[in-house]
């Protein structure tokens, strides 16, 4: 679980994580994330937004990276995942 960097009253979660040691990027399933958090994504050529389905409020903002993947620079997923990896859970 992590707090929205835009609205600290909103927490979002990443459920049923899969750990793939050979992967060099943190990837999420858009459909799972939207269902688990009652949000939707808006994709644009150079950025994206994650919005609340209930209020239409922007909760996360991402930008298009040099590898053509959308990134969320203000979201440190490593911090969110570190406690799982410390206890050697297979996410």
PDB file of N, CA and C in Angstrom:
ATOM      1  N   UNK A   1       0.852  -1.169   0.000  1.00  0.00           N
ATOM      2  CA  UNK A   1       0.000   0.000   0.000  1.00  0.00           C
ATOM      3  C   UNK A   1       0.899   1.233   0.000  1.00  0.00           C
ATOM      4  N   UNK A   2       0.474   2.279  -0.705  1.00  0.00           N
ATOM      5  CA  UNK A   2       1.212   3.529  -0.727  1.00  0.00           C
ATOM      6  C   UNK A   2       0.233   4.697  -0.806  1.00  0.00           C
ATOM      7  N   UNK A   3       0.710   5.849  -0.438  1.00  0.00           N
ATOM      8  CA  UNK A   3      -0.103   7.072  -0.414  1.00  0.00           C
ATOM      9  C   UNK A   3       0.047   7.810  -1.727  1.00  0.00           C
ATOM     10  N   UNK A   4      -1.045   8.352  -2.238  1.00  0.00           N
ATOM     11  CA  UNK A   4      -0.991   9.173  -3.443  1.00  0.00           C
ATOM     12  C   UNK A   4      -0.103  10.383  -3.175  1.00  0.00           C
ATOM     13  N   UNK A   5       0.895  10.641  -4.040  1.00  0.00           N
ATOM     14  CA  UNK A   5       1.738  11.822  -3.843  1.00  0.00           C
ATOM     15  C   UNK A   5       0.981  13.132  -4.086  1.00  0.00           C
ATOM     16  N   UNK A   6      -0.171  13.064  -4.706  1.00  0.00           N
ATOM     17  CA  UNK A   6      -0.966  14.265  -4.991  1.00  0.00           C
ATOM     18  C   UNK A   6      -1.990  14.515  -3.902  1.00  0.00           C
ATOM     19  N   UNK A   7      -2.611  13.446  -3.399  1.00  0.00           N
ATOM     20  CA  UNK A   7      -3.604  13.571  -2.342  1.00  0.00           C
ATOM     21  C   UNK A   7      -3.255  12.599  -1.216  1.00  0.00           C
ATOM     22  N   UNK A   8      -2.593  13.087  -0.158  1.00  0.00           N
ATOM     23  CA  UNK A   8      -2.143  12.194   0.918  1.00  0.00           C
ATOM     24  C   UNK A   8      -3.273  11.518   1.706  1.00  0.00           C
ATOM     25  N   UNK A   9      -4.522  11.894   1.458  1.00  0.00           N
ATOM     26  CA  UNK A   9      -5.651  11.226   2.121  1.00  0.00           C
ATOM     27  C   UNK A   9      -6.037   9.931   1.422  1.00  0.00           C
ATOM     28  N   UNK A  10      -5.460   9.693   0.240  1.00  0.00           N
ATOM     29  CA  UNK A  10      -5.829   8.518  -0.551  1.00  0.00           C
ATOM     30  C   UNK A  10      -4.676   7.518  -0.558  1.00  0.00           C
ATOM     31  N   UNK A  11      -4.985   6.285  -0.176  1.00  0.00           N
ATOM     32  CA  UNK A  11      -3.986   5.218  -0.274  1.00  0.00           C
ATOM     33  C   UNK A  11      -4.379   4.277  -1.408  1.00  0.00           C
ATOM     34  N   UNK A  12      -3.378   3.798  -2.092  1.00  0.00           N
ATOM     35  CA  UNK A  12      -3.560   2.887  -3.217  1.00  0.00           C
ATOM     36  C   UNK A  12      -2.801   1.607  -2.897  1.00  0.00           C
ATOM     37  N   UNK A  13      -3.218   0.512  -3.502  1.00  0.00           N
ATOM     38  CA  UNK A  13      -2.547  -0.748  -3.190  1.00  0.00           C
ATOM     39  C   UNK A  13      -2.166  -1.503  -4.452  1.00  0.00           C
ATOM     40  N   UNK A  14      -1.130  -2.302  -4.287  1.00  0.00           N
ATOM     41  CA  UNK A  14      -0.684  -3.237  -5.314  1.00  0.00           C
ATOM     42  C   UNK A  14      -0.881  -4.623  -4.718  1.00  0.00           C
ATOM     43  N   UNK A  15      -1.883  -5.336  -5.189  1.00  0.00           N
ATOM     44  CA  UNK A  15      -2.229  -6.640  -4.615  1.00  0.00           C
ATOM     45  C   UNK A  15      -1.708  -7.763  -5.499  1.00  0.00           C
ATOM     46  N   UNK A  16      -1.442  -8.881  -4.881  1.00  0.00           N
ATOM     47  CA  UNK A  16      -0.997 -10.096  -5.569  1.00  0.00           C
ATOM     48  C   UNK A  16       0.170  -9.805  -6.513  1.00  0.00           C
ATOM     49  N   UNK A  17       1.242  -9.270  -5.947  1.00  0.00           N
ATOM     50  CA  UNK A  17       2.431  -8.945  -6.720  1.00  0.00           C
ATOM     51  C   UNK A  17       3.153 -10.200  -7.163  1.00  0.00           C
ATOM     52  N   UNK A  18       3.760 -10.131  -8.313  1.00  0.00           N
ATOM     53  CA  UNK A  18       4.603 -11.208  -8.810  1.00  0.00           C
ATOM     54  C   UNK A  18       6.033 -10.682  -8.858  1.00  0.00           C
ATOM     55  N   UNK A  19       6.958 -11.459  -8.358  1.00  0.00           N
ATOM     56  CA  UNK A  19       8.365 -11.073  -8.369  1.00  0.00           C
ATOM     57  C   UNK A  19       9.071 -11.847  -9.473  1.00  0.00           C
ATOM     58  N   UNK A  20       9.629 -11.131 -10.436  1.00  0.00           N
ATOM     59  CA  UNK A  20      10.372 -11.746 -11.533  1.00  0.00           C
ATOM     60  C   UNK A  20      11.799 -11.219 -11.454  1.00  0.00           C
ATOM     61  N   UNK A  21      12.727 -12.005 -10.907  1.00  0.00           N
ATOM     62  CA  UNK A  21      14.089 -11.515 -10.662  1.00  0.00           C
ATOM     63  C   UNK A  21      14.799 -10.958 -11.897  1.00  0.00           C
ATOM     64  N   UNK A  22      14.532 -11.509 -13.065  1.00  0.00           N
ATOM     65  CA  UNK A  22      15.232 -11.066 -14.268  1.00  0.00           C
ATOM     66  C   UNK A  22      14.673  -9.757 -14.850  1.00  0.00           C
ATOM     67  N   UNK A  23      13.541  -9.299 -14.358  1.00  0.00           N
ATOM     68  CA  UNK A  23      12.931  -8.079 -14.881  1.00  0.00           C
ATOM     69  C   UNK A  23      13.643  -6.864 -14.303  1.00  0.00           C
ATOM     70  N   UNK A  24      13.961  -5.919 -15.175  1.00  0.00           N
ATOM     71  CA  UNK A  24      14.668  -4.712 -14.731  1.00  0.00           C
ATOM     72  C   UNK A  24      13.730  -3.525 -14.522  1.00  0.00           C
ATOM     73  N   UNK A  25      12.452  -3.696 -14.769  1.00  0.00           N
ATOM     74  CA  UNK A  25      11.458  -2.630 -14.597  1.00  0.00           C
ATOM     75  C   UNK A  25      10.363  -3.103 -13.656  1.00  0.00           C
ATOM     76  N   UNK A  26       9.781  -2.178 -12.914  1.00  0.00           N
ATOM     77  CA  UNK A  26       8.586  -2.477 -12.125  1.00  0.00           C
ATOM     78  C   UNK A  26       7.384  -2.259 -13.030  1.00  0.00           C
ATOM     79  N   UNK A  27       6.677  -3.304 -13.360  1.00  0.00           N
ATOM     80  CA  UNK A  27       5.522  -3.229 -14.254  1.00  0.00           C
ATOM     81  C   UNK A  27       4.259  -3.515 -13.460  1.00  0.00           C
ATOM     82  N   UNK A  28       3.168  -2.863 -13.838  1.00  0.00           N
ATOM     83  CA  UNK A  28       1.886  -3.157 -13.204  1.00  0.00           C
ATOM     84  C   UNK A  28       0.859  -3.519 -14.267  1.00  0.00           C
ATOM     85  N   UNK A  29      -0.115  -4.289 -13.862  1.00  0.00           N
ATOM     86  CA  UNK A  29      -1.242  -4.599 -14.717  1.00  0.00           C
ATOM     87  C   UNK A  29      -2.247  -3.460 -14.568  1.00  0.00           C
ATOM     88  N   UNK A  30      -2.508  -2.763 -15.643  1.00  0.00           N
ATOM     89  CA  UNK A  30      -3.444  -1.636 -15.593  1.00  0.00           C
ATOM     90  C   UNK A  30      -4.825  -2.119 -15.170  1.00  0.00           C
ATOM     91  N   UNK A  31      -5.280  -3.235 -15.707  1.00  0.00           N
ATOM     92  CA  UNK A  31      -6.630  -3.703 -15.368  1.00  0.00           C
ATOM     93  C   UNK A  31      -6.729  -4.101 -13.893  1.00  0.00           C
ATOM     94  N   UNK A  32      -5.698  -4.780 -13.345  1.00  0.00           N
ATOM     95  CA  UNK A  32      -5.733  -5.140 -11.929  1.00  0.00           C
ATOM     96  C   UNK A  32      -5.663  -3.904 -11.036  1.00  0.00           C
ATOM     97  N   UNK A  33      -4.786  -2.973 -11.380  1.00  0.00           N
ATOM     98  CA  UNK A  33      -4.637  -1.772 -10.563  1.00  0.00           C
ATOM     99  C   UNK A  33      -5.930  -0.960 -10.551  1.00  0.00           C
ATOM    100  N   UNK A  34      -6.587  -0.846 -11.703  1.00  0.00           N
ATOM    101  CA  UNK A  34      -7.837  -0.080 -11.757  1.00  0.00           C
ATOM    102  C   UNK A  34      -8.936  -0.769 -10.955  1.00  0.00           C
ATOM    103  N   UNK A  35      -9.040  -2.085 -11.056  1.00  0.00           N
ATOM    104  CA  UNK A  35     -10.062  -2.812 -10.301  1.00  0.00           C
ATOM    105  C   UNK A  35      -9.797  -2.789  -8.805  1.00  0.00           C
ATOM    106  N   UNK A  36      -8.545  -2.940  -8.410  1.00  0.00           N
ATOM    107  CA  UNK A  36      -8.196  -2.981  -6.988  1.00  0.00           C
ATOM    108  C   UNK A  36      -8.343  -1.627  -6.297  1.00  0.00           C
ATOM    109  N   UNK A  37      -8.260  -0.525  -7.054  1.00  0.00           N
ATOM    110  CA  UNK A  37      -8.224   0.806  -6.442  1.00  0.00           C
ATOM    111  C   UNK A  37      -9.354   1.732  -6.868  1.00  0.00           C
ATOM    112  N   UNK A  38     -10.291   1.230  -7.669  1.00  0.00           N
ATOM    113  CA  UNK A  38     -11.416   2.054  -8.127  1.00  0.00           C
ATOM    114  C   UNK A  38     -10.922   3.335  -8.810  1.00  0.00           C
ATOM    115  N   UNK A  39      -9.987   3.155  -9.748  1.00  0.00           N
ATOM    116  CA  UNK A  39      -9.396   4.267 -10.499  1.00  0.00           C
ATOM    117  C   UNK A  39      -9.457   3.947 -11.983  1.00  0.00           C
ATOM    118  N   UNK A  40      -9.105   4.933 -12.805  1.00  0.00           N
ATOM    119  CA  UNK A  40      -8.943   4.699 -14.231  1.00  0.00           C
ATOM    120  C   UNK A  40      -7.728   5.474 -14.724  1.00  0.00           C
ATOM    121  N   UNK A  41      -7.166   5.017 -15.831  1.00  0.00           N
ATOM    122  CA  UNK A  41      -6.000   5.659 -16.441  1.00  0.00           C
ATOM    123  C   UNK A  41      -6.444   6.480 -17.640  1.00  0.00           C
ATOM    124  N   UNK A  42      -5.800   7.619 -17.841  1.00  0.00           N
ATOM    125  CA  UNK A  42      -5.923   8.389 -19.076  1.00  0.00           C
ATOM    126  C   UNK A  42      -4.529   8.475 -19.675  1.00  0.00           C
ATOM    127  N   UNK A  43      -4.394   7.986 -20.906  1.00  0.00           N
ATOM    128  CA  UNK A  43      -3.103   7.991 -21.574  1.00  0.00           C
ATOM    129  C   UNK A  43      -3.078   9.052 -22.658  1.00  0.00           C
ATOM    130  N   UNK A  44      -1.983   9.795 -22.695  1.00  0.00           N
ATOM    131  CA  UNK A  44      -1.736  10.830 -23.688  1.00  0.00           C
ATOM    132  C   UNK A  44      -0.381  10.552 -24.322  1.00  0.00           C
ATOM    133  N   UNK A  45      -0.043  11.226 -25.422  1.00  0.00           N
ATOM    134  CA  UNK A  45       1.229  10.919 -26.090  1.00  0.00           C
ATOM    135  C   UNK A  45       2.471  11.034 -25.192  1.00  0.00           C
ATOM    136  N   UNK A  46       2.485  11.983 -24.253  1.00  0.00           N
ATOM    137  CA  UNK A  46       3.689  12.194 -23.452  1.00  0.00           C
ATOM    138  C   UNK A  46       3.489  12.038 -21.952  1.00  0.00           C
ATOM    139  N   UNK A  47       2.268  11.755 -21.515  1.00  0.00           N
ATOM    140  CA  UNK A  47       2.024  11.603 -20.085  1.00  0.00           C
ATOM    141  C   UNK A  47       0.763  10.772 -19.860  1.00  0.00           C
ATOM    142  N   UNK A  48       0.527  10.427 -18.607  1.00  0.00           N
ATOM    143  CA  UNK A  48      -0.691   9.713 -18.251  1.00  0.00           C
ATOM    144  C   UNK A  48      -1.137  10.171 -16.867  1.00  0.00           C
ATOM    145  N   UNK A  49      -2.385   9.898 -16.555  1.00  0.00           N
ATOM    146  CA  UNK A  49      -2.946  10.257 -15.254  1.00  0.00           C
ATOM    147  C   UNK A  49      -3.759   9.085 -14.734  1.00  0.00           C
ATOM    148  N   UNK A  50      -3.696   8.885 -13.429  1.00  0.00           N
ATOM    149  CA  UNK A  50      -4.540   7.907 -12.749  1.00  0.00           C
ATOM    150  C   UNK A  50      -5.553   8.719 -11.957  1.00  0.00           C
ATOM    151  N   UNK A  51      -6.845   8.471 -12.221  1.00  0.00           N
ATOM    152  CA  UNK A  51      -7.907   9.269 -11.608  1.00  0.00           C
ATOM    153  C   UNK A  51      -8.871   8.392 -10.819  1.00  0.00           C
ATOM    154  N   UNK A  52      -9.438   8.975  -9.786  1.00  0.00           N
ATOM    155  CA  UNK A  52     -10.457   8.314  -8.987  1.00  0.00           C
ATOM    156  C   UNK A  52     -11.725   8.156  -9.815  1.00  0.00           C
ATOM    157  N   UNK A  53     -12.318   6.966  -9.798  1.00  0.00           N
ATOM    158  CA  UNK A  53     -13.586   6.775 -10.511  1.00  0.00           C
ATOM    159  C   UNK A  53     -14.715   7.546  -9.847  1.00  0.00           C
ATOM    160  N   UNK A  54     -14.637   7.725  -8.536  1.00  0.00           N
ATOM    161  CA  UNK A  54     -15.705   8.408  -7.813  1.00  0.00           C
ATOM    162  C   UNK A  54     -15.680   9.916  -7.957  1.00  0.00           C
ATOM    163  N   UNK A  55     -14.482  10.512  -7.953  1.00  0.00           N
ATOM    164  CA  UNK A  55     -14.389  11.979  -7.937  1.00  0.00           C
ATOM    165  C   UNK A  55     -13.729  12.575  -9.176  1.00  0.00           C
ATOM    166  N   UNK A  56     -13.140  11.738 -10.019  1.00  0.00           N
ATOM    167  CA  UNK A  56     -12.411  12.184 -11.204  1.00  0.00           C
ATOM    168  C   UNK A  56     -11.125  12.954 -10.839  1.00  0.00           C
ATOM    169  N   UNK A  57     -10.730  12.882  -9.569  1.00  0.00           N
ATOM    170  CA  UNK A  57      -9.526  13.572  -9.097  1.00  0.00           C
ATOM    171  C   UNK A  57      -8.274  12.826  -9.546  1.00  0.00           C
ATOM    172  N   UNK A  58      -7.262  13.566  -9.988  1.00  0.00           N
ATOM    173  CA  UNK A  58      -5.984  12.971 -10.357  1.00  0.00           C
ATOM    174  C   UNK A  58      -5.269  12.529  -9.080  1.00  0.00           C
ATOM    175  N   UNK A  59      -4.855  11.253  -9.035  1.00  0.00           N
ATOM    176  CA  UNK A  59      -4.166  10.694  -7.875  1.00  0.00           C
ATOM    177  C   UNK A  59      -2.690  10.412  -8.152  1.00  0.00           C
ATOM    178  N   UNK A  60      -2.369  10.128  -9.405  1.00  0.00           N
ATOM    179  CA  UNK A  60      -0.993   9.882  -9.836  1.00  0.00           C
ATOM    180  C   UNK A  60      -0.797  10.495 -11.210  1.00  0.00           C
ATOM    181  N   UNK A  61       0.401  10.990 -11.464  1.00  0.00           N
ATOM    182  CA  UNK A  61       0.742  11.491 -12.791  1.00  0.00           C
ATOM    183  C   UNK A  61       2.021  10.817 -13.245  1.00  0.00           C
ATOM    184  N   UNK A  62       2.028  10.391 -14.481  1.00  0.00           N
ATOM    185  CA  UNK A  62       3.208   9.753 -15.046  1.00  0.00           C
ATOM    186  C   UNK A  62       3.622  10.445 -16.320  1.00  0.00           C
ATOM    187  N   UNK A  63       4.829  10.121 -16.763  1.00  0.00           N
ATOM    188  CA  UNK A  63       5.332  10.686 -18.015  1.00  0.00           C
ATOM    189  C   UNK A  63       5.907   9.562 -18.861  1.00  0.00           C
ATOM    190  N   UNK A  64       6.011   9.822 -20.145  1.00  0.00           N
ATOM    191  CA  UNK A  64       6.545   8.820 -21.062  1.00  0.00           C
ATOM    192  C   UNK A  64       8.059   8.827 -20.961  1.00  0.00           C
ATOM    193  N   UNK A  65       8.637   7.668 -20.676  1.00  0.00           N
ATOM    194  CA  UNK A  65      10.078   7.555 -20.540  1.00  0.00           C
ATOM    195  C   UNK A  65      10.753   7.323 -21.882  1.00  0.00           C
ATOM    196  N   UNK A  66      12.077   7.341 -21.884  1.00  0.00           N
ATOM    197  CA  UNK A  66      12.837   7.161 -23.136  1.00  0.00           C
ATOM    198  C   UNK A  66      12.652   5.777 -23.757  1.00  0.00           C
ATOM    199  N   UNK A  67      12.188   4.812 -22.969  1.00  0.00           N
ATOM    200  CA  UNK A  67      11.953   3.458 -23.471  1.00  0.00           C
ATOM    201  C   UNK A  67      10.497   3.239 -23.898  1.00  0.00           C
ATOM    202  N   UNK A  68       9.738   4.338 -24.011  1.00  0.00           N
ATOM    203  CA  UNK A  68       8.323   4.307 -24.406  1.00  0.00           C
ATOM    204  C   UNK A  68       7.415   3.625 -23.393  1.00  0.00           C
ATOM    205  N   UNK A  69       7.846   3.552 -22.142  1.00  0.00           N
ATOM    206  CA  UNK A  69       6.997   3.086 -21.052  1.00  0.00           C
ATOM    207  C   UNK A  69       6.641   4.292 -20.192  1.00  0.00           C
ATOM    208  N   UNK A  70       5.414   4.315 -19.688  1.00  0.00           N
ATOM    209  CA  UNK A  70       5.013   5.400 -18.794  1.00  0.00           C
ATOM    210  C   UNK A  70       5.636   5.160 -17.419  1.00  0.00           C
ATOM    211  N   UNK A  71       6.187   6.208 -16.847  1.00  0.00           N
ATOM    212  CA  UNK A  71       6.830   6.110 -15.542  1.00  0.00           C
ATOM    213  C   UNK A  71       6.163   7.080 -14.572  1.00  0.00           C
ATOM    214  N   UNK A  72       6.246   6.737 -13.299  1.00  0.00           N
ATOM    215  CA  UNK A  72       5.725   7.587 -12.231  1.00  0.00           C
ATOM    216  C   UNK A  72       6.921   8.012 -11.379  1.00  0.00           C
ATOM    217  N   UNK A  73       7.578   9.110 -11.756  1.00  0.00           N
ATOM    218  CA  UNK A  73       8.834   9.491 -11.097  1.00  0.00           C
ATOM    219  C   UNK A  73       8.692   9.837  -9.621  1.00  0.00           C
ATOM    220  N   UNK A  74       7.518  10.234  -9.174  1.00  0.00           N
ATOM    221  CA  UNK A  74       7.330  10.619  -7.773  1.00  0.00           C
ATOM    222  C   UNK A  74       6.873   9.442  -6.912  1.00  0.00           C
ATOM    223  N   UNK A  75       6.873   8.261  -7.491  1.00  0.00           N
ATOM    224  CA  UNK A  75       6.423   7.072  -6.774  1.00  0.00           C
ATOM    225  C   UNK A  75       7.588   6.102  -6.660  1.00  0.00           C
ATOM    226  N   UNK A  76       8.039   5.858  -5.459  1.00  0.00           N
ATOM    227  CA  UNK A  76       9.168   4.958  -5.229  1.00  0.00           C
ATOM    228  C   UNK A  76       8.639   3.576  -4.883  1.00  0.00           C
ATOM    229  N   UNK A  77       8.397   2.752  -5.884  1.00  0.00           N
ATOM    230  CA  UNK A  77       7.866   1.412  -5.646  1.00  0.00           C
ATOM    231  C   UNK A  77       8.866   0.549  -4.895  1.00  0.00           C
ATOM    232  N   UNK A  78      10.159   0.826  -5.041  1.00  0.00           N
ATOM    233  CA  UNK A  78      11.146   0.042  -4.307  1.00  0.00           C
ATOM    234  C   UNK A  78      10.909   0.160  -2.810  1.00  0.00           C
ATOM    235  N   UNK A  79      10.538   1.352  -2.344  1.00  0.00           N
ATOM    236  CA  UNK A  79      10.253   1.527  -0.921  1.00  0.00           C
ATOM    237  C   UNK A  79       9.027   0.719  -0.512  1.00  0.00           C
ATOM    238  N   UNK A  80       8.025   0.677  -1.372  1.00  0.00           N
ATOM    239  CA  UNK A  80       6.807  -0.075  -1.069  1.00  0.00           C
ATOM    240  C   UNK A  80       7.077  -1.569  -1.023  1.00  0.00           C
ATOM    241  N   UNK A  81       7.992  -2.034  -1.853  1.00  0.00           N
ATOM    242  CA  UNK A  81       8.249  -3.464  -1.966  1.00  0.00           C
ATOM    243  C   UNK A  81       9.349  -3.945  -1.030  1.00  0.00           C
ATOM    244  N   UNK A  82      10.134  -3.052  -0.470  1.00  0.00           N
ATOM    245  CA  UNK A  82      11.309  -3.466   0.291  1.00  0.00           C
ATOM    246  C   UNK A  82      10.952  -4.353   1.477  1.00  0.00           C
ATOM    247  N   UNK A  83       9.845  -4.061   2.177  1.00  0.00           N
ATOM    248  CA  UNK A  83       9.491  -4.892   3.323  1.00  0.00           C
ATOM    249  C   UNK A  83       9.090  -6.303   2.891  1.00  0.00           C
ATOM    250  N   UNK A  84       8.533  -6.444   1.706  1.00  0.00           N
ATOM    251  CA  UNK A  84       8.182  -7.776   1.214  1.00  0.00           C
ATOM    252  C   UNK A  84       9.435  -8.574   0.895  1.00  0.00           C
ATOM    253  N   UNK A  85      10.391  -7.918   0.244  1.00  0.00           N
ATOM    254  CA  UNK A  85      11.603  -8.610  -0.146  1.00  0.00           C
ATOM    255  C   UNK A  85      12.476  -8.925   1.068  1.00  0.00           C
ATOM    256  N   UNK A  86      12.434  -8.081   2.068  1.00  0.00           N
ATOM    257  CA  UNK A  86      13.209  -8.318   3.282  1.00  0.00           C
ATOM    258  C   UNK A  86      12.801  -9.628   3.943  1.00  0.00           C
ATOM    259  N   UNK A  87      11.524  -9.902   3.955  1.00  0.00           N
ATOM    260  CA  UNK A  87      11.032 -11.119   4.576  1.00  0.00           C
ATOM    261  C   UNK A  87      10.962 -12.288   3.598  1.00  0.00           C
ATOM    262  N   UNK A  88      11.461 -12.085   2.394  1.00  0.00           N
ATOM    263  CA  UNK A  88      11.586 -13.115   1.365  1.00  0.00           C
ATOM    264  C   UNK A  88      10.251 -13.727   0.978  1.00  0.00           C
ATOM    265  N   UNK A  89       9.227 -12.916   0.953  1.00  0.00           N
ATOM    266  CA  UNK A  89       7.950 -13.376   0.402  1.00  0.00           C
ATOM    267  C   UNK A  89       8.114 -13.443  -1.110  1.00  0.00           C
ATOM    268  N   UNK A  90       7.487 -14.394  -1.726  1.00  0.00           N
ATOM    269  CA  UNK A  90       7.478 -14.404  -3.181  1.00  0.00           C
ATOM    270  C   UNK A  90       6.249 -13.654  -3.607  1.00  0.00           C
ATOM    271  N   UNK A  91       6.444 -12.441  -4.097  1.00  0.00           N
ATOM    272  CA  UNK A  91       5.334 -11.560  -4.447  1.00  0.00           C
ATOM    273  C   UNK A  91       4.749 -11.976  -5.774  1.00  0.00           C
TER     274      UNK A  91
END
